[in-house]
Amino acid sequence: MAGEPQDDCLFCKIVAGHIPATVVRETETTVAFRDINPQAPTHVLVIPKAHYRDAAALAAGAPEVAADVLRETRAVAEDEKLDSFRIVFNTGAGAGQTVWHTHAHVIGGRGLNWPPG
């Protein structure tokens, strides 16, 4: 069920404190932590504490929490002193999503040309 913790979800386990993470921010509805495989000098994931499969499911099921996630990406960028950064939501396997819990990547600290790669 959307919003309910999933026993087999890596990020639900991080929210519950069962798996350690380097948390940089936490609010009532979100957690932000450093990516274990950073793609840039700053690479932080911002997730909702509630389980939603992907960004589209979060937007449909809890738009107010989607706004919280986006607001926290800005706060992370400010805390990390990034004047330029990218926010990425991968939605679906074809887009590179590998953990089935909504998460925003906050990436910065180096030039980010488009297209990525």
N, C-alpha and C. Protein backbone atom coordinates (compact mmCIF):
# COMPACT_ATOMS: atom_id res chain seq x y z
N MET A 1 0.84 -1.19 0.00
CA MET A 1 0.00 0.00 0.00
C MET A 1 0.89 1.25 0.00
N ALA A 2 0.55 2.21 -0.81
CA ALA A 2 1.33 3.45 -0.89
C ALA A 2 1.40 4.13 0.47
N GLY A 3 2.57 4.62 0.79
CA GLY A 3 2.77 5.33 2.04
C GLY A 3 3.21 4.45 3.19
N GLU A 4 2.91 3.15 3.12
CA GLU A 4 3.26 2.22 4.20
C GLU A 4 4.68 1.70 4.01
N PRO A 5 5.46 1.56 5.08
CA PRO A 5 6.82 1.00 4.96
C PRO A 5 6.79 -0.39 4.33
N GLN A 6 7.78 -0.67 3.51
CA GLN A 6 7.91 -1.97 2.85
C GLN A 6 9.10 -2.71 3.46
N ASP A 7 8.89 -3.94 3.86
CA ASP A 7 9.95 -4.73 4.51
C ASP A 7 11.17 -4.93 3.63
N ASP A 8 10.98 -4.98 2.32
CA ASP A 8 12.08 -5.26 1.40
C ASP A 8 12.68 -4.00 0.78
N CYS A 9 12.35 -2.83 1.29
CA CYS A 9 12.80 -1.56 0.70
C CYS A 9 14.01 -1.01 1.46
N LEU A 10 15.11 -0.81 0.75
CA LEU A 10 16.34 -0.27 1.33
C LEU A 10 16.09 1.08 2.01
N PHE A 11 15.37 1.97 1.34
CA PHE A 11 15.17 3.30 1.90
C PHE A 11 14.20 3.29 3.08
N CYS A 12 13.22 2.41 3.08
CA CYS A 12 12.36 2.27 4.26
C CYS A 12 13.19 1.82 5.46
N LYS A 13 14.17 0.95 5.21
CA LYS A 13 15.06 0.49 6.29
C LYS A 13 15.94 1.62 6.80
N ILE A 14 16.37 2.52 5.91
CA ILE A 14 17.14 3.69 6.35
C ILE A 14 16.25 4.60 7.19
N VAL A 15 15.02 4.86 6.75
CA VAL A 15 14.09 5.70 7.51
C VAL A 15 13.89 5.12 8.91
N ALA A 16 13.75 3.79 9.00
CA ALA A 16 13.50 3.13 10.28
C ALA A 16 14.75 3.03 11.15
N GLY A 17 15.92 3.35 10.60
CA GLY A 17 17.16 3.27 11.36
C GLY A 17 17.78 1.88 11.39
N HIS A 18 17.29 0.98 10.55
CA HIS A 18 17.81 -0.39 10.51
C HIS A 18 19.07 -0.50 9.66
N ILE A 19 19.27 0.44 8.75
CA ILE A 19 20.48 0.50 7.92
C ILE A 19 21.07 1.89 8.11
N PRO A 20 22.37 1.98 8.40
CA PRO A 20 22.97 3.29 8.62
C PRO A 20 23.09 4.10 7.33
N ALA A 21 23.04 5.40 7.49
CA ALA A 21 23.24 6.33 6.37
C ALA A 21 23.83 7.60 6.96
N THR A 22 24.52 8.34 6.14
CA THR A 22 25.07 9.63 6.57
C THR A 22 24.00 10.69 6.32
N VAL A 23 23.16 10.89 7.32
CA VAL A 23 22.03 11.82 7.22
C VAL A 23 22.55 13.24 7.35
N VAL A 24 22.12 14.10 6.42
CA VAL A 24 22.53 15.50 6.45
C VAL A 24 21.38 16.43 6.84
N ARG A 25 20.14 15.97 6.65
CA ARG A 25 18.96 16.74 7.05
C ARG A 25 17.83 15.76 7.32
N GLU A 26 16.94 16.16 8.21
CA GLU A 26 15.74 15.36 8.45
C GLU A 26 14.63 16.29 8.87
N THR A 27 13.44 16.04 8.33
CA THR A 27 12.25 16.79 8.71
C THR A 27 11.20 15.77 9.15
N GLU A 28 10.03 16.24 9.45
CA GLU A 28 8.93 15.35 9.83
C GLU A 28 8.58 14.38 8.70
N THR A 29 8.75 14.82 7.45
CA THR A 29 8.31 14.00 6.31
C THR A 29 9.43 13.51 5.41
N THR A 30 10.67 13.99 5.60
CA THR A 30 11.76 13.65 4.70
C THR A 30 13.05 13.30 5.43
N VAL A 31 13.92 12.61 4.71
CA VAL A 31 15.29 12.36 5.17
C VAL A 31 16.21 12.62 4.00
N ALA A 32 17.34 13.28 4.25
CA ALA A 32 18.35 13.52 3.22
C ALA A 32 19.66 12.90 3.70
N PHE A 33 20.27 12.12 2.81
CA PHE A 33 21.52 11.45 3.18
C PHE A 33 22.44 11.35 1.98
N ARG A 34 23.72 11.18 2.26
CA ARG A 34 24.73 11.11 1.20
C ARG A 34 24.60 9.80 0.43
N ASP A 35 24.72 9.90 -0.90
CA ASP A 35 24.69 8.72 -1.77
C ASP A 35 25.95 7.90 -1.52
N ILE A 36 25.82 6.58 -1.45
CA ILE A 36 26.99 5.72 -1.19
C ILE A 36 27.86 5.56 -2.44
N ASN A 37 27.35 5.97 -3.60
CA ASN A 37 28.11 5.90 -4.84
C ASN A 37 28.00 7.26 -5.54
N PRO A 38 28.64 8.30 -4.96
CA PRO A 38 28.44 9.65 -5.47
C PRO A 38 28.94 9.83 -6.91
N GLN A 39 28.16 10.59 -7.67
CA GLN A 39 28.49 10.89 -9.06
C GLN A 39 29.06 12.30 -9.21
N ALA A 40 29.21 13.00 -8.10
CA ALA A 40 29.75 14.36 -8.09
C ALA A 40 30.25 14.63 -6.67
N PRO A 41 31.02 15.70 -6.48
CA PRO A 41 31.49 16.01 -5.12
C PRO A 41 30.36 16.09 -4.08
N THR A 42 29.21 16.64 -4.49
CA THR A 42 28.03 16.60 -3.64
C THR A 42 26.99 15.74 -4.33
N HIS A 43 26.54 14.69 -3.64
CA HIS A 43 25.48 13.82 -4.16
C HIS A 43 24.69 13.34 -2.95
N VAL A 44 23.55 13.97 -2.75
CA VAL A 44 22.69 13.70 -1.60
C VAL A 44 21.33 13.24 -2.13
N LEU A 45 20.77 12.24 -1.48
CA LEU A 45 19.42 11.77 -1.80
C LEU A 45 18.44 12.36 -0.81
N VAL A 46 17.32 12.84 -1.30
CA VAL A 46 16.23 13.33 -0.44
C VAL A 46 15.05 12.41 -0.70
N ILE A 47 14.56 11.78 0.37
CA ILE A 47 13.47 10.82 0.24
C ILE A 47 12.31 11.20 1.16
N PRO A 48 11.10 10.82 0.77
CA PRO A 48 10.00 10.94 1.73
C PRO A 48 10.11 9.79 2.73
N LYS A 49 9.73 10.03 3.95
CA LYS A 49 9.72 8.94 4.94
C LYS A 49 8.66 7.90 4.58
N ALA A 50 7.57 8.33 4.00
CA ALA A 50 6.52 7.41 3.55
C ALA A 50 6.97 6.75 2.25
N HIS A 51 6.59 5.49 2.08
CA HIS A 51 7.00 4.75 0.89
C HIS A 51 6.06 5.01 -0.29
N TYR A 52 6.63 5.55 -1.35
CA TYR A 52 5.97 5.67 -2.64
C TYR A 52 6.96 5.15 -3.67
N ARG A 53 6.50 4.37 -4.59
CA ARG A 53 7.35 3.65 -5.54
C ARG A 53 8.25 4.58 -6.37
N ASP A 54 7.72 5.68 -6.82
CA ASP A 54 8.49 6.59 -7.67
C ASP A 54 7.90 7.99 -7.56
N ALA A 55 8.52 8.93 -8.26
CA ALA A 55 8.10 10.33 -8.16
C ALA A 55 6.67 10.53 -8.64
N ALA A 56 6.28 9.81 -9.68
CA ALA A 56 4.91 9.94 -10.20
C ALA A 56 3.89 9.47 -9.16
N ALA A 57 4.18 8.36 -8.49
CA ALA A 57 3.28 7.84 -7.46
C ALA A 57 3.20 8.80 -6.28
N LEU A 58 4.33 9.40 -5.91
CA LEU A 58 4.34 10.37 -4.81
C LEU A 58 3.52 11.60 -5.19
N ALA A 59 3.70 12.11 -6.39
CA ALA A 59 2.96 13.30 -6.82
C ALA A 59 1.46 13.05 -6.82
N ALA A 60 1.06 11.85 -7.24
CA ALA A 60 -0.37 11.52 -7.27
C ALA A 60 -0.93 11.24 -5.88
N GLY A 61 -0.15 10.56 -5.05
CA GLY A 61 -0.66 10.10 -3.76
C GLY A 61 -0.48 11.06 -2.61
N ALA A 62 0.55 11.89 -2.67
CA ALA A 62 0.83 12.81 -1.56
C ALA A 62 1.54 14.06 -2.09
N PRO A 63 0.83 14.89 -2.85
CA PRO A 63 1.49 16.06 -3.45
C PRO A 63 2.13 16.98 -2.43
N GLU A 64 1.58 17.04 -1.22
CA GLU A 64 2.18 17.90 -0.20
C GLU A 64 3.54 17.36 0.24
N VAL A 65 3.71 16.05 0.26
CA VAL A 65 5.01 15.44 0.60
C VAL A 65 5.98 15.61 -0.57
N ALA A 66 5.47 15.54 -1.79
CA ALA A 66 6.31 15.81 -2.96
C ALA A 66 6.88 17.23 -2.87
N ALA A 67 6.07 18.17 -2.44
CA ALA A 67 6.54 19.54 -2.25
C ALA A 67 7.59 19.60 -1.15
N ASP A 68 7.40 18.84 -0.07
CA ASP A 68 8.39 18.79 1.01
C ASP A 68 9.74 18.28 0.49
N VAL A 69 9.69 17.22 -0.33
CA VAL A 69 10.93 16.67 -0.90
C VAL A 69 11.63 17.74 -1.73
N LEU A 70 10.90 18.40 -2.58
CA LEU A 70 11.50 19.42 -3.43
C LEU A 70 12.04 20.59 -2.60
N ARG A 71 11.32 20.99 -1.57
CA ARG A 71 11.78 22.06 -0.69
C ARG A 71 13.09 21.66 0.00
N GLU A 72 13.19 20.40 0.40
CA GLU A 72 14.41 19.92 1.05
C GLU A 72 15.60 19.85 0.10
N THR A 73 15.35 19.62 -1.20
CA THR A 73 16.48 19.63 -2.14
C THR A 73 17.13 21.02 -2.13
N ARG A 74 16.32 22.04 -2.06
CA ARG A 74 16.86 23.40 -2.00
C ARG A 74 17.63 23.62 -0.70
N ALA A 75 17.10 23.14 0.41
CA ALA A 75 17.77 23.29 1.69
C ALA A 75 19.12 22.55 1.70
N VAL A 76 19.15 21.36 1.11
CA VAL A 76 20.41 20.62 1.00
C VAL A 76 21.42 21.43 0.20
N ALA A 77 20.99 21.96 -0.94
CA ALA A 77 21.90 22.75 -1.78
C ALA A 77 22.43 23.97 -1.03
N GLU A 78 21.57 24.62 -0.26
CA GLU A 78 22.03 25.76 0.55
C GLU A 78 23.03 25.31 1.60
N ASP A 79 22.72 24.23 2.32
CA ASP A 79 23.63 23.71 3.35
C ASP A 79 24.99 23.33 2.76
N GLU A 80 24.97 22.79 1.55
CA GLU A 80 26.20 22.35 0.88
C GLU A 80 26.90 23.50 0.14
N LYS A 81 26.29 24.69 0.20
CA LYS A 81 26.84 25.89 -0.43
C LYS A 81 27.00 25.73 -1.94
N LEU A 82 26.00 25.12 -2.55
CA LEU A 82 25.99 24.94 -4.00
C LEU A 82 25.28 26.12 -4.65
N ASP A 83 25.94 26.80 -5.57
CA ASP A 83 25.25 27.87 -6.29
C ASP A 83 24.61 27.33 -7.57
N SER A 84 25.06 26.16 -8.02
CA SER A 84 24.45 25.46 -9.15
C SER A 84 24.34 23.99 -8.77
N PHE A 85 23.23 23.38 -9.13
CA PHE A 85 23.04 21.97 -8.79
C PHE A 85 21.95 21.40 -9.68
N ARG A 86 21.89 20.10 -9.69
CA ARG A 86 20.87 19.39 -10.46
C ARG A 86 20.02 18.57 -9.49
N ILE A 87 18.72 18.53 -9.76
CA ILE A 87 17.78 17.68 -9.04
C ILE A 87 17.29 16.64 -10.03
N VAL A 88 17.48 15.37 -9.70
CA VAL A 88 17.10 14.29 -10.62
C VAL A 88 16.17 13.32 -9.90
N PHE A 89 15.03 13.03 -10.53
CA PHE A 89 14.13 11.96 -10.11
C PHE A 89 14.15 10.93 -11.24
N ASN A 90 14.69 9.76 -11.01
CA ASN A 90 14.61 8.68 -11.99
C ASN A 90 13.31 7.93 -11.71
N THR A 91 12.49 7.79 -12.73
CA THR A 91 11.20 7.13 -12.56
C THR A 91 11.10 5.99 -13.56
N GLY A 92 11.24 4.77 -13.05
CA GLY A 92 11.19 3.57 -13.88
C GLY A 92 12.58 3.04 -14.21
N ALA A 93 12.64 1.74 -14.45
CA ALA A 93 13.92 1.08 -14.74
C ALA A 93 14.59 1.67 -15.97
N GLY A 94 13.83 2.01 -16.99
CA GLY A 94 14.39 2.57 -18.21
C GLY A 94 15.04 3.92 -18.00
N ALA A 95 14.69 4.60 -16.93
CA ALA A 95 15.28 5.90 -16.60
C ALA A 95 16.41 5.76 -15.58
N GLY A 96 16.71 4.53 -15.17
CA GLY A 96 17.81 4.31 -14.23
C GLY A 96 17.39 4.15 -12.79
N GLN A 97 16.10 4.07 -12.48
CA GLN A 97 15.70 3.87 -11.10
C GLN A 97 16.05 2.45 -10.68
N THR A 98 16.77 2.33 -9.56
CA THR A 98 17.17 1.01 -9.05
C THR A 98 16.63 0.73 -7.65
N VAL A 99 16.24 1.76 -6.93
CA VAL A 99 15.60 1.59 -5.62
C VAL A 99 14.17 2.09 -5.78
N TRP A 100 13.20 1.23 -5.46
CA TRP A 100 11.79 1.52 -5.72
C TRP A 100 11.13 2.23 -4.55
N HIS A 101 11.73 3.35 -4.19
CA HIS A 101 11.23 4.28 -3.18
C HIS A 101 11.61 5.65 -3.73
N THR A 102 10.64 6.54 -3.88
CA THR A 102 10.91 7.86 -4.45
C THR A 102 12.15 8.48 -3.83
N HIS A 103 13.01 9.01 -4.68
CA HIS A 103 14.15 9.75 -4.18
C HIS A 103 14.62 10.78 -5.20
N ALA A 104 15.00 11.94 -4.69
CA ALA A 104 15.56 13.01 -5.50
C ALA A 104 17.05 13.03 -5.27
N HIS A 105 17.82 13.04 -6.35
CA HIS A 105 19.26 13.20 -6.27
C HIS A 105 19.56 14.70 -6.31
N VAL A 106 20.33 15.20 -5.37
CA VAL A 106 20.84 16.57 -5.41
C VAL A 106 22.32 16.43 -5.74
N ILE A 107 22.69 16.90 -6.94
CA ILE A 107 24.03 16.69 -7.45
C ILE A 107 24.66 18.03 -7.78
N GLY A 108 25.89 18.23 -7.31
CA GLY A 108 26.58 19.48 -7.59
C GLY A 108 28.03 19.42 -7.19
N GLY A 109 28.68 20.58 -7.26
CA GLY A 109 30.08 20.66 -6.88
C GLY A 109 31.04 20.47 -8.04
N ARG A 110 30.51 20.30 -9.24
CA ARG A 110 31.32 20.23 -10.46
C ARG A 110 30.43 20.68 -11.62
N GLY A 111 31.04 20.91 -12.77
CA GLY A 111 30.26 21.27 -13.94
C GLY A 111 29.30 20.15 -14.30
N LEU A 112 28.09 20.50 -14.65
CA LEU A 112 27.06 19.51 -14.99
C LEU A 112 26.53 19.82 -16.38
N ASN A 113 27.25 19.40 -17.37
CA ASN A 113 26.83 19.63 -18.75
C ASN A 113 25.63 18.78 -19.09
N TRP A 114 24.87 19.21 -20.08
CA TRP A 114 23.72 18.44 -20.55
C TRP A 114 23.96 18.05 -21.99
N PRO A 115 23.71 16.87 -22.44
CA PRO A 115 23.13 15.79 -21.64
C PRO A 115 24.16 15.21 -20.68
N PRO A 116 23.68 14.57 -19.61
CA PRO A 116 24.60 14.00 -18.62
C PRO A 116 25.41 12.86 -19.22
N GLY A 117 26.52 12.58 -18.58
CA GLY A 117 27.32 11.45 -19.05
C GLY A 117 28.78 11.73 -19.03
